């Protein structure tokens, strides 16, 4: 599990800490099949290098974040269908 503040630095930026670069935060995506209300049971997901992260949408930033390999994330999606 990791925190919710994952920042990404461009692979084109210099390797030093003082290089001119913009970091971007990967946003969470909620399933289009989830209910529209804030209390709907749903997971949010976002991609990261080598896999995905998932969290409980109802808890938002207070939710634990789970790291999943791409194969495990695909298995989760298949089991949820």
N, C-alpha and C. Protein backbone atom coordinates (compact mmCIF):
# COMPACT_ATOMS: atom_id res chain seq x y z
N UNK A 1 0.84 -1.18 0.00
CA UNK A 1 0.00 0.00 0.00
C UNK A 1 0.88 1.24 0.00
N UNK A 2 0.43 2.25 -0.72
CA UNK A 2 1.15 3.52 -0.73
C UNK A 2 0.17 4.65 -0.53
N UNK A 3 0.68 5.82 -0.31
CA UNK A 3 -0.17 7.00 -0.12
C UNK A 3 -0.81 7.46 -1.40
N UNK A 4 -1.63 8.49 -1.28
CA UNK A 4 -2.38 8.95 -2.44
C UNK A 4 -1.66 10.03 -3.22
N UNK A 5 -0.52 10.49 -2.77
CA UNK A 5 0.17 11.59 -3.45
C UNK A 5 1.32 11.06 -4.28
N UNK A 6 1.01 10.44 -5.39
CA UNK A 6 2.04 9.95 -6.30
C UNK A 6 2.26 10.98 -7.39
N UNK A 7 3.45 11.49 -7.47
CA UNK A 7 3.81 12.48 -8.48
C UNK A 7 4.71 11.81 -9.50
N UNK A 8 4.56 12.20 -10.74
CA UNK A 8 5.39 11.65 -11.81
C UNK A 8 6.23 12.75 -12.43
N UNK A 9 7.49 12.45 -12.65
CA UNK A 9 8.41 13.37 -13.28
C UNK A 9 8.68 12.87 -14.69
N UNK A 10 8.73 13.76 -15.64
CA UNK A 10 8.93 13.39 -17.03
C UNK A 10 10.24 12.63 -17.22
N UNK A 11 10.21 11.60 -18.05
CA UNK A 11 11.43 10.86 -18.35
C UNK A 11 12.40 11.70 -19.18
N UNK A 12 11.92 12.81 -19.74
CA UNK A 12 12.78 13.71 -20.53
C UNK A 12 13.47 14.76 -19.67
N UNK A 13 13.14 14.85 -18.41
CA UNK A 13 13.77 15.84 -17.55
C UNK A 13 15.17 15.36 -17.16
N UNK A 14 15.99 16.27 -16.71
CA UNK A 14 17.33 15.92 -16.27
C UNK A 14 17.28 15.04 -15.03
N UNK A 15 18.37 14.38 -14.75
CA UNK A 15 18.39 13.46 -13.63
C UNK A 15 18.62 14.15 -12.28
N UNK A 16 19.12 15.37 -12.29
CA UNK A 16 19.38 16.07 -11.04
C UNK A 16 18.13 16.63 -10.40
N UNK A 17 18.19 16.84 -9.09
CA UNK A 17 17.05 17.40 -8.37
C UNK A 17 16.76 18.84 -8.76
N UNK A 18 17.75 19.54 -9.30
CA UNK A 18 17.58 20.94 -9.65
C UNK A 18 17.23 21.15 -11.13
N UNK A 19 16.90 20.09 -11.86
CA UNK A 19 16.57 20.23 -13.27
C UNK A 19 15.21 20.90 -13.43
N UNK A 20 15.03 21.63 -14.52
CA UNK A 20 13.75 22.28 -14.81
C UNK A 20 12.76 21.23 -15.29
N UNK A 21 11.74 21.03 -14.51
CA UNK A 21 10.80 19.97 -14.83
C UNK A 21 9.47 20.25 -14.14
N UNK A 22 8.41 19.74 -14.74
CA UNK A 22 7.08 19.80 -14.14
C UNK A 22 6.70 18.39 -13.74
N UNK A 23 6.20 18.24 -12.52
CA UNK A 23 5.72 16.94 -12.07
C UNK A 23 4.19 16.94 -12.16
N UNK A 24 3.63 15.81 -12.50
CA UNK A 24 2.17 15.68 -12.63
C UNK A 24 1.69 14.59 -11.69
N UNK A 25 0.52 14.80 -11.16
CA UNK A 25 -0.10 13.81 -10.30
C UNK A 25 -1.12 13.03 -11.11
N UNK A 26 -1.08 11.73 -10.97
CA UNK A 26 -2.00 10.86 -11.70
C UNK A 26 -3.34 10.90 -10.99
N UNK A 27 -4.41 11.16 -11.74
CA UNK A 27 -5.73 11.29 -11.13
C UNK A 27 -6.44 9.94 -11.05
N UNK A 28 -7.37 9.86 -10.13
CA UNK A 28 -8.18 8.66 -9.95
C UNK A 28 -9.32 8.66 -10.95
N UNK A 29 -9.71 7.46 -11.41
CA UNK A 29 -10.85 7.32 -12.31
C UNK A 29 -11.87 6.40 -11.66
N UNK A 30 -13.10 6.86 -11.67
CA UNK A 30 -14.21 6.08 -11.13
C UNK A 30 -14.94 5.43 -12.31
N UNK A 31 -15.36 4.21 -12.14
CA UNK A 31 -16.02 3.47 -13.20
C UNK A 31 -17.27 4.20 -13.70
N UNK A 32 -17.46 4.21 -15.00
CA UNK A 32 -18.67 4.80 -15.57
C UNK A 32 -19.91 3.96 -15.22
N UNK A 33 -19.70 2.74 -14.75
CA UNK A 33 -20.81 1.87 -14.36
C UNK A 33 -21.23 2.06 -12.91
N UNK A 34 -20.48 2.85 -12.16
CA UNK A 34 -20.83 3.06 -10.77
C UNK A 34 -22.03 3.99 -10.67
N UNK A 35 -22.71 3.94 -9.55
CA UNK A 35 -23.84 4.83 -9.34
C UNK A 35 -23.37 6.28 -9.28
N UNK A 36 -24.25 7.20 -9.52
CA UNK A 36 -23.89 8.61 -9.53
C UNK A 36 -23.73 9.23 -8.15
N UNK A 37 -24.27 8.61 -7.13
CA UNK A 37 -24.21 9.18 -5.79
C UNK A 37 -22.87 8.96 -5.10
N UNK A 38 -22.61 9.78 -4.10
CA UNK A 38 -21.36 9.65 -3.35
C UNK A 38 -21.30 8.38 -2.53
N UNK A 39 -22.46 7.78 -2.21
CA UNK A 39 -22.49 6.58 -1.38
C UNK A 39 -22.51 5.29 -2.19
N UNK A 40 -22.32 5.37 -3.49
CA UNK A 40 -22.33 4.17 -4.30
C UNK A 40 -21.08 3.34 -4.01
N UNK A 41 -21.25 2.03 -4.07
CA UNK A 41 -20.13 1.12 -3.82
C UNK A 41 -19.27 1.04 -5.08
N UNK A 42 -18.08 1.55 -4.98
CA UNK A 42 -17.24 1.59 -6.17
C UNK A 42 -15.77 1.71 -5.78
N UNK A 43 -14.93 1.22 -6.63
CA UNK A 43 -13.50 1.42 -6.50
C UNK A 43 -13.07 2.48 -7.50
N UNK A 44 -12.03 3.20 -7.15
CA UNK A 44 -11.40 4.11 -8.09
C UNK A 44 -10.04 3.51 -8.42
N UNK A 45 -9.57 3.75 -9.62
CA UNK A 45 -8.30 3.18 -10.05
C UNK A 45 -7.48 4.23 -10.80
N UNK A 46 -6.18 4.02 -10.80
CA UNK A 46 -5.28 4.84 -11.60
C UNK A 46 -4.09 3.98 -11.98
N UNK A 47 -3.53 4.30 -13.14
CA UNK A 47 -2.37 3.53 -13.59
C UNK A 47 -1.11 4.10 -12.97
N UNK A 48 -0.14 3.24 -12.86
CA UNK A 48 1.19 3.63 -12.39
C UNK A 48 2.17 2.71 -13.10
N UNK A 49 3.42 3.01 -13.01
CA UNK A 49 4.43 2.20 -13.67
C UNK A 49 4.35 0.76 -13.18
N UNK A 50 4.12 -0.16 -14.11
CA UNK A 50 4.09 -1.57 -13.78
C UNK A 50 2.76 -2.10 -13.27
N UNK A 51 1.73 -1.26 -13.18
CA UNK A 51 0.46 -1.76 -12.69
C UNK A 51 -0.55 -0.68 -12.43
N UNK A 52 -1.35 -0.90 -11.39
CA UNK A 52 -2.45 -0.01 -11.06
C UNK A 52 -2.55 0.14 -9.55
N UNK A 53 -3.25 1.18 -9.13
CA UNK A 53 -3.61 1.37 -7.73
C UNK A 53 -5.12 1.45 -7.66
N UNK A 54 -5.70 0.92 -6.58
CA UNK A 54 -7.14 0.99 -6.37
C UNK A 54 -7.41 1.50 -4.95
N UNK A 55 -8.56 2.16 -4.79
CA UNK A 55 -9.01 2.64 -3.48
C UNK A 55 -10.52 2.67 -3.45
N UNK A 56 -11.09 2.80 -2.26
CA UNK A 56 -12.53 2.90 -2.06
C UNK A 56 -12.97 4.33 -2.38
N UNK A 57 -13.88 4.49 -3.30
CA UNK A 57 -14.30 5.83 -3.73
C UNK A 57 -15.02 6.59 -2.62
N UNK A 58 -15.71 5.87 -1.72
CA UNK A 58 -16.44 6.55 -0.65
C UNK A 58 -15.50 7.20 0.36
N UNK A 59 -14.32 6.63 0.55
CA UNK A 59 -13.37 7.14 1.53
C UNK A 59 -12.44 8.21 0.97
N UNK A 60 -12.36 8.29 -0.37
CA UNK A 60 -11.51 9.30 -1.00
C UNK A 60 -10.08 9.23 -0.51
N UNK A 61 -9.50 10.39 -0.14
CA UNK A 61 -8.11 10.43 0.28
C UNK A 61 -7.87 9.66 1.58
N UNK A 62 -8.91 9.37 2.33
CA UNK A 62 -8.78 8.60 3.56
C UNK A 62 -8.72 7.10 3.34
N UNK A 63 -8.92 6.67 2.11
CA UNK A 63 -8.93 5.25 1.80
C UNK A 63 -7.52 4.68 1.74
N UNK A 64 -7.34 3.42 2.18
CA UNK A 64 -6.08 2.76 1.91
C UNK A 64 -5.93 2.60 0.39
N UNK A 65 -4.71 2.63 -0.09
CA UNK A 65 -4.43 2.48 -1.52
C UNK A 65 -3.67 1.17 -1.71
N UNK A 66 -4.16 0.33 -2.61
CA UNK A 66 -3.55 -0.96 -2.86
C UNK A 66 -2.88 -0.97 -4.23
N UNK A 67 -1.63 -1.40 -4.26
CA UNK A 67 -0.88 -1.53 -5.51
C UNK A 67 -1.13 -2.92 -6.09
N UNK A 68 -1.50 -2.97 -7.36
CA UNK A 68 -1.74 -4.24 -8.05
C UNK A 68 -0.92 -4.30 -9.33
N UNK A 69 -0.34 -5.45 -9.59
CA UNK A 69 0.31 -5.68 -10.87
C UNK A 69 -0.78 -5.68 -11.95
N UNK A 70 -0.40 -5.39 -13.18
CA UNK A 70 -1.38 -5.31 -14.27
C UNK A 70 -2.18 -6.60 -14.39
N UNK A 71 -1.54 -7.76 -14.26
CA UNK A 71 -2.24 -9.03 -14.38
C UNK A 71 -3.27 -9.20 -13.26
N UNK A 72 -2.94 -8.74 -12.05
CA UNK A 72 -3.88 -8.84 -10.93
C UNK A 72 -5.05 -7.88 -11.10
N UNK A 73 -4.79 -6.69 -11.64
CA UNK A 73 -5.86 -5.73 -11.89
C UNK A 73 -6.82 -6.27 -12.95
N UNK A 74 -6.30 -6.88 -13.99
CA UNK A 74 -7.14 -7.49 -15.03
C UNK A 74 -7.99 -8.62 -14.44
N UNK A 75 -7.41 -9.41 -13.53
CA UNK A 75 -8.17 -10.48 -12.88
C UNK A 75 -9.28 -9.91 -12.00
N UNK A 76 -9.00 -8.80 -11.32
CA UNK A 76 -10.01 -8.14 -10.50
C UNK A 76 -11.18 -7.68 -11.36
N UNK A 77 -10.86 -7.06 -12.50
CA UNK A 77 -11.92 -6.59 -13.41
C UNK A 77 -12.73 -7.76 -13.95
N UNK A 78 -12.08 -8.85 -14.30
CA UNK A 78 -12.78 -10.01 -14.82
C UNK A 78 -13.70 -10.62 -13.77
N UNK A 79 -13.25 -10.65 -12.52
CA UNK A 79 -14.07 -11.21 -11.44
C UNK A 79 -15.26 -10.31 -11.12
N UNK A 80 -15.15 -9.04 -11.38
CA UNK A 80 -16.23 -8.09 -11.06
C UNK A 80 -17.33 -8.07 -12.12
N UNK A 81 -17.09 -8.62 -13.27
CA UNK A 81 -18.11 -8.60 -14.35
C UNK A 81 -19.28 -9.48 -14.04
